[in-house]
Amino acid sequence: MEDANRLLRLEREVEKALHQVQKPEELKELRLKYLGRKSELVLFLKNLKSLETEKVAHFGIFAAKVRNRIDLLLQEKESEL
C-alpha cells in the first residue's frame, strides 16, 4: 500500500509542478526529473524485484500506468507552450 501511495504522490507532484512551468526548458527539466534514468519512478521500477512475487505484477502494471499518465501530462503541457 505504501508503494501505491508513493506512486500516487509522485503523480500529484508532477501535476502541481506543471502548473508552474512557463518555458520549454522548465518542462524539459521536469521530464528529466520525473521520467529520467535517475528519477524516483525509474528507481521504483528497478526495485520491483525486491517485492514479493505476487506483488511484482500488480505494482509493475500500476507503475506503468502512472508513468504513462505522467508522460501524457508532460505532452499536454508541451502542446500548450
Protein backbone atom coordinates (compact mmCIF):
# COMPACT_ATOMS: atom_id res chain seq x y z
CA MET A 1 0.00 0.00 0.00
CA GLU A 2 2.85 2.35 0.80
CA ASP A 3 4.27 1.76 -2.69
CA ALA A 4 0.96 2.66 -4.32
CA ASN A 5 0.73 5.83 -2.24
CA ARG A 6 4.28 6.71 -3.24
CA LEU A 7 3.38 6.44 -6.92
CA LEU A 8 0.19 8.45 -6.50
CA ARG A 9 2.09 11.12 -4.57
CA LEU A 10 4.59 11.30 -7.41
CA GLU A 11 1.80 11.79 -9.95
CA ARG A 12 0.24 14.59 -7.87
CA GLU A 13 3.66 16.19 -7.51
CA VAL A 14 4.03 16.29 -11.30
CA GLU A 15 0.58 17.83 -11.71
CA LYS A 16 1.46 20.62 -9.26
CA ALA A 17 4.84 21.25 -10.83
CA LEU A 18 3.33 21.50 -14.30
CA HIS A 19 1.14 24.42 -13.22
CA GLN A 20 4.29 26.45 -12.61
CA VAL A 21 6.03 25.64 -15.90
CA GLN A 22 6.26 28.65 -18.19
CA LYS A 23 9.10 27.74 -20.56
CA PRO A 24 10.04 24.69 -22.65
CA GLU A 25 13.34 24.47 -20.74
CA GLU A 26 11.45 24.10 -17.46
CA LEU A 27 9.35 21.35 -18.98
CA LYS A 28 12.48 19.54 -20.13
CA GLU A 29 13.85 19.69 -16.58
CA LEU A 30 10.60 18.24 -15.22
CA ARG A 31 10.67 15.43 -17.77
CA LEU A 32 14.18 14.50 -16.67
CA LYS A 33 13.28 14.77 -13.00
CA TYR A 34 10.23 12.53 -13.23
CA LEU A 35 11.00 10.20 -16.15
CA GLY A 36 14.78 10.31 -16.48
CA ARG A 37 17.15 7.43 -15.71
CA LYS A 38 17.64 8.53 -12.11
CA SER A 39 14.04 9.50 -11.42
CA GLU A 40 12.13 8.17 -8.45
CA LEU A 41 9.77 6.30 -10.77
CA VAL A 42 12.57 4.53 -12.62
CA LEU A 43 14.23 3.61 -9.32
CA PHE A 44 10.90 2.22 -8.11
CA LEU A 45 10.62 0.08 -11.24
CA LYS A 46 14.17 -1.20 -10.80
CA ASN A 47 13.40 -2.15 -7.19
CA LEU A 48 10.30 -4.16 -8.11
CA LYS A 49 12.35 -7.33 -7.96
CA SER A 50 12.72 -6.84 -4.21
CA LEU A 51 8.94 -7.15 -3.73
CA GLU A 52 7.10 -10.40 -3.13
CA THR A 53 6.46 -12.25 -6.39
CA GLU A 54 2.68 -11.80 -6.34
CA LYS A 55 3.08 -8.03 -5.84
CA VAL A 56 5.54 -7.51 -8.69
CA ALA A 57 2.99 -7.81 -11.48
CA HIS A 58 0.42 -5.66 -9.68
CA PHE A 59 2.83 -2.83 -8.90
CA GLY A 60 4.54 -3.13 -12.26
CA ILE A 61 1.26 -2.55 -14.06
CA PHE A 62 0.30 0.25 -11.68
CA ALA A 63 3.70 1.93 -12.05
CA ALA A 64 3.46 1.69 -15.85
CA LYS A 65 0.05 3.40 -15.72
CA VAL A 66 1.46 6.17 -13.55
CA ARG A 67 4.44 6.58 -15.91
CA ASN A 68 2.08 6.79 -18.90
CA ARG A 69 -0.08 9.34 -17.09
CA ILE A 70 2.95 11.48 -16.23
CA ASP A 71 4.14 11.27 -19.83
CA LEU A 72 0.69 12.31 -21.07
CA LEU A 73 0.62 15.28 -18.67
CA LEU A 74 4.04 16.37 -19.90
CA GLN A 75 2.96 16.06 -23.54
CA GLU A 76 -0.19 18.10 -22.89
CA LYS A 77 1.86 20.85 -21.27
CA GLU A 78 4.31 20.78 -24.15
CA SER A 79 1.47 21.38 -26.62
CA GLU A 80 0.31 24.35 -24.50
CA LEU A 81 3.73 26.01 -24.62
